[in-house]
Amino acid sequence: MTIGVVIPAAGQGKRMGSKQNKIYMELKSYPILFYTLSVFTENKKIDQIVVVTRADELEFCQKNIIDRYFPGEKIKLVAGGETRRESVFAGLQVFSPAIDYVIIHDGARPLITQVLIDDIIEALKDYNAVSVGTKLKDTVKVIDEKNTVIKTPERDTLIAVQTPQAFLYRDILEAHQKVPLDYPVTDDASLLEYLNKPVKIIEGSEENIKITTSFDLLIAEKILERRSLQD
């Protein structure tokens, strides 16, 4: 089993209230992307890593992240597109034919653990498409355009989906090529669902948060502080 990893990192810091790509913002003295890459570079089961960033940030990412923190690591940089889907597809096309499976993980989820990576790799032995997720604690309402409640779904049937998500390489590549570009996609597993291919959900982690706002940064700092005390 040969495994490649695509790390989309071409987002912006709009919801963070920053003009800077949030992936390069500091979290406990290191860029957010540093933490994400550290976990994958340390995992011996990973064969290739592709980071997708904005075209105008390729040089910055190479110099300030790859060369500075990961010299000698085989990390490829690719320019992303206008959407997350376009960026992921750009990353997928870089892999060598030797790759069997692909893990896709948001660069803005820096608190992923080796345990979670190993769990999703283990699940690939039985399933061709795997996503991690957590059960909801809050009740969810479906509303209309006027913010009026339409219905309340049964909470036990709902999952808050995270990354990483992992796929048989040829399946996710085919999905990107076949699913219409105007089909609304918020995660990679949606492409497989469109083609009626099953996606297995395994348990994620409440600590595997996505850094979207400044409040998320505060939470991430506390999690890192707690982990350092446990080491």
Protein backbone atom coordinates (compact mmCIF):
# COMPACT_ATOMS: atom_id res chain seq x y z
CA MET A 1 0.00 0.00 0.00
CA THR A 2 1.62 3.25 -1.17
CA ILE A 3 0.06 6.43 0.17
CA GLY A 4 0.17 10.03 -0.99
CA VAL A 5 -1.09 13.05 0.92
CA VAL A 6 -2.65 16.23 -0.50
CA ILE A 7 -2.69 19.21 1.84
CA PRO A 8 -4.86 22.08 0.53
CA ALA A 9 -3.37 25.32 1.85
CA ALA A 10 -4.56 27.88 -0.68
CA GLY A 11 -7.20 29.55 1.47
CA GLN A 12 -7.46 33.11 2.69
CA GLY A 13 -7.79 34.69 6.11
CA LYS A 14 -11.10 36.50 5.56
CA ARG A 15 -12.96 34.96 8.50
CA MET A 16 -9.81 35.41 10.56
CA GLY A 17 -9.96 39.12 9.80
CA SER A 18 -6.50 38.96 8.23
CA LYS A 19 -5.13 39.74 4.79
CA GLN A 20 -2.57 36.98 5.32
CA ASN A 21 -3.26 33.35 4.38
CA LYS A 22 -4.18 31.88 7.77
CA ILE A 23 -1.99 28.86 7.09
CA TYR A 24 1.09 31.01 7.74
CA MET A 25 -0.20 32.63 10.93
CA GLU A 26 1.67 31.71 14.10
CA LEU A 27 0.39 29.17 16.58
CA LYS A 28 2.66 28.91 19.63
CA SER A 29 5.61 30.45 17.70
CA TYR A 30 5.26 28.27 14.59
CA PRO A 31 3.17 28.64 11.42
CA ILE A 32 -0.05 26.63 11.39
CA LEU A 33 1.13 24.71 8.32
CA PHE A 34 4.27 23.62 10.20
CA TYR A 35 2.22 21.53 12.62
CA THR A 36 0.17 19.89 9.90
CA LEU A 37 3.21 18.94 7.85
CA SER A 38 5.14 17.73 10.90
CA VAL A 39 2.64 14.99 11.64
CA PHE A 40 2.62 13.65 8.08
CA THR A 41 6.39 13.85 7.53
CA GLU A 42 6.93 11.87 10.74
CA ASN A 43 4.58 9.06 9.67
CA LYS A 44 6.59 6.30 7.99
CA LYS A 45 3.54 4.99 6.13
CA ILE A 46 3.32 8.15 3.99
CA ASP A 47 5.22 7.97 0.69
CA GLN A 48 4.54 11.33 -0.99
CA ILE A 49 3.27 14.73 0.20
CA VAL A 50 1.86 17.50 -1.99
CA VAL A 51 1.07 20.94 -0.59
CA VAL A 52 -1.28 23.10 -2.64
CA THR A 53 -0.96 26.83 -2.07
CA ARG A 54 -1.79 30.00 -3.95
CA ALA A 55 0.32 30.71 -7.03
CA ASP A 56 1.59 33.98 -5.58
CA GLU A 57 2.68 32.18 -2.39
CA LEU A 58 4.70 29.33 -3.88
CA GLU A 59 8.06 31.02 -3.31
CA PHE A 60 7.08 32.17 0.18
CA CYS A 61 5.91 28.68 1.19
CA GLN A 62 9.04 27.03 -0.21
CA LYS A 63 11.39 29.40 1.59
CA ASN A 64 9.59 29.94 4.90
CA ILE A 65 8.01 26.54 5.45
CA ILE A 66 9.55 23.74 3.37
CA ASP A 67 13.19 24.87 3.30
CA ARG A 68 13.17 26.22 6.83
CA TYR A 69 11.45 23.41 8.70
CA PHE A 70 11.57 20.39 6.39
CA PRO A 71 14.90 20.40 4.51
CA GLY A 72 15.45 17.11 2.73
CA GLU A 73 11.81 16.06 2.91
CA LYS A 74 10.18 15.14 -0.40
CA ILE A 75 7.39 17.69 -0.30
CA LYS A 76 6.07 19.00 -3.61
CA LEU A 77 4.46 22.40 -3.96
CA VAL A 78 1.66 23.02 -6.45
CA ALA A 79 -0.33 26.13 -7.33
CA GLY A 80 -4.01 25.83 -6.44
CA GLY A 81 -7.12 27.08 -8.20
CA GLU A 82 -10.01 29.38 -7.40
CA THR A 83 -11.86 26.76 -5.34
CA ARG A 84 -10.86 24.04 -2.91
CA ARG A 85 -11.97 21.42 -5.41
CA GLU A 86 -9.71 22.87 -8.11
CA SER A 87 -6.81 23.00 -5.67
CA VAL A 88 -7.20 19.40 -4.57
CA PHE A 89 -7.46 18.24 -8.18
CA ALA A 90 -4.24 20.09 -8.98
CA GLY A 91 -2.53 18.26 -6.13
CA LEU A 92 -3.89 14.86 -7.14
CA GLN A 93 -2.41 15.13 -10.62
CA VAL A 94 1.15 15.43 -9.27
CA PHE A 95 1.42 11.94 -7.79
CA SER A 96 3.43 9.20 -9.43
CA PRO A 97 1.60 6.14 -10.83
CA ALA A 98 2.98 4.15 -7.89
CA ILE A 99 0.49 5.71 -5.48
CA ASP A 100 -2.41 3.43 -4.48
CA TYR A 101 -4.28 5.58 -1.98
CA VAL A 102 -4.55 9.28 -1.27
CA ILE A 103 -5.20 11.08 2.00
CA ILE A 104 -6.58 14.62 1.73
CA HIS A 105 -6.22 16.80 4.82
CA ASP A 106 -6.87 20.50 5.39
CA GLY A 107 -3.69 22.43 6.06
CA ALA A 108 -5.70 24.45 8.58
CA ARG A 109 -6.24 21.38 10.81
CA PRO A 110 -2.85 21.37 12.57
CA LEU A 111 -3.87 19.24 15.56
CA ILE A 112 -4.23 15.96 13.69
CA THR A 113 -2.50 13.07 15.48
CA GLN A 114 -0.54 10.02 14.39
CA VAL A 115 -3.30 7.87 15.88
CA LEU A 116 -5.89 9.42 13.56
CA ILE A 117 -3.65 8.99 10.51
CA ASP A 118 -3.00 5.36 11.40
CA ASP A 119 -6.71 4.75 11.97
CA ILE A 120 -7.66 6.02 8.52
CA ILE A 121 -4.85 4.04 6.87
CA GLU A 122 -6.03 0.91 8.67
CA ALA A 123 -9.58 1.52 7.44
CA LEU A 124 -8.30 1.67 3.85
CA LYS A 125 -7.59 -2.05 4.09
CA ASP A 126 -11.35 -2.66 4.05
CA TYR A 127 -12.82 0.42 2.34
CA ASN A 128 -11.96 2.46 -0.76
CA ALA A 129 -13.29 5.73 0.67
CA VAL A 130 -12.97 6.76 4.32
CA SER A 131 -13.73 9.97 6.20
CA VAL A 132 -13.39 10.90 9.84
CA GLY A 133 -16.19 12.58 11.76
CA THR A 134 -17.60 13.25 15.20
CA LYS A 135 -21.13 12.95 16.57
CA LEU A 136 -23.05 16.16 17.12
CA LYS A 137 -23.67 17.51 20.60
CA ASP A 138 -26.08 20.24 19.51
CA THR A 139 -29.51 19.95 17.97
CA VAL A 140 -29.52 20.94 14.29
CA LYS A 141 -32.34 22.82 12.57
CA VAL A 142 -33.05 23.07 8.84
CA ILE A 143 -34.14 26.61 7.98
CA ASP A 144 -35.43 28.47 4.94
CA GLU A 145 -34.22 31.75 3.42
CA LYS A 146 -36.13 33.67 6.12
CA ASN A 147 -34.41 31.79 8.95
CA THR A 148 -37.62 29.98 9.77
CA VAL A 149 -37.27 26.39 10.95
CA ILE A 150 -38.43 23.80 8.44
CA LYS A 151 -37.58 20.65 10.37
CA THR A 152 -35.32 19.14 13.00
CA PRO A 153 -33.30 16.14 11.77
CA GLU A 154 -32.65 13.23 14.09
CA ARG A 155 -29.30 14.05 15.68
CA ASP A 156 -28.17 10.43 15.91
CA THR A 157 -28.13 10.21 12.10
CA LEU A 158 -25.85 13.25 11.69
CA ILE A 159 -22.07 13.49 11.71
CA ALA A 160 -19.77 16.51 11.76
CA VAL A 161 -17.27 15.60 9.06
CA GLN A 162 -13.57 16.44 9.33
CA THR A 163 -10.46 15.66 7.38
CA PRO A 164 -8.46 13.57 6.79
CA GLN A 165 -10.45 11.78 4.12
CA ALA A 166 -8.82 8.94 2.21
CA PHE A 167 -9.56 7.28 -1.11
CA LEU A 168 -8.39 4.76 -3.63
CA TYR A 169 -6.34 7.05 -5.85
CA ARG A 170 -7.97 6.09 -9.13
CA ASP A 171 -11.45 6.53 -7.62
CA ILE A 172 -10.97 10.08 -6.36
CA LEU A 173 -9.19 11.08 -9.56
CA GLU A 174 -12.08 9.68 -11.62
CA ALA A 175 -14.60 11.47 -9.41
CA HIS A 176 -12.93 14.83 -10.00
CA GLN A 177 -13.07 14.20 -13.73
CA LYS A 178 -16.68 12.97 -13.89
CA VAL A 179 -18.61 15.05 -11.36
CA PRO A 180 -19.98 18.27 -12.96
CA LEU A 181 -18.06 21.39 -12.00
CA ASP A 182 -21.25 23.15 -10.91
CA TYR A 183 -22.07 20.41 -8.40
CA PRO A 184 -21.77 21.91 -4.88
CA VAL A 185 -18.84 20.31 -3.10
CA THR A 186 -17.86 21.10 0.49
CA ASP A 187 -15.69 18.05 1.06
CA ASP A 188 -13.95 15.47 -1.11
CA ALA A 189 -16.18 12.58 -0.07
CA SER A 190 -19.13 14.40 -1.69
CA LEU A 191 -17.64 13.59 -5.10
CA LEU A 192 -17.74 9.86 -4.37
CA GLU A 193 -21.27 10.16 -3.00
CA TYR A 194 -22.36 11.77 -6.29
CA LEU A 195 -21.13 8.66 -8.11
CA ASN A 196 -22.99 6.43 -5.62
CA LYS A 197 -19.79 5.04 -4.14
CA PRO A 198 -19.90 4.21 -0.42
CA VAL A 199 -17.93 6.28 2.08
CA LYS A 200 -17.04 4.78 5.45
CA ILE A 201 -17.07 7.11 8.48
CA ILE A 202 -14.64 6.41 11.31
CA GLU A 203 -14.41 8.27 14.61
CA GLY A 204 -12.55 11.55 14.48
CA SER A 205 -11.38 13.77 17.33
CA GLU A 206 -12.81 16.86 18.96
CA GLU A 207 -9.26 18.23 19.05
CA ASN A 208 -8.93 17.97 15.27
CA ILE A 209 -10.34 21.46 14.81
CA LYS A 210 -10.08 23.62 11.72
CA ILE A 211 -8.51 27.02 12.32
CA THR A 212 -11.03 29.45 10.86
CA THR A 213 -11.34 32.29 13.36
CA SER A 214 -9.14 33.92 15.99
CA PHE A 215 -11.12 32.03 18.63
CA ASP A 216 -10.02 28.76 17.03
CA LEU A 217 -6.42 29.87 17.49
CA LEU A 218 -7.00 30.29 21.22
CA ILE A 219 -8.50 26.81 21.47
CA ALA A 220 -5.60 25.31 19.50
CA GLU A 221 -3.08 26.97 21.81
CA LYS A 222 -4.73 25.44 24.85
CA ILE A 223 -4.79 22.00 23.25
CA LEU A 224 -1.08 22.24 22.43
CA GLU A 225 -0.32 23.38 25.97
CA ARG A 226 -2.17 20.41 27.40
CA ARG A 227 -0.40 18.00 25.05
CA SER A 228 3.01 19.38 26.08
CA LEU A 229 2.16 18.70 29.73
CA GLN A 230 1.17 15.13 28.88
CA ASP A 231 4.42 14.38 27.01
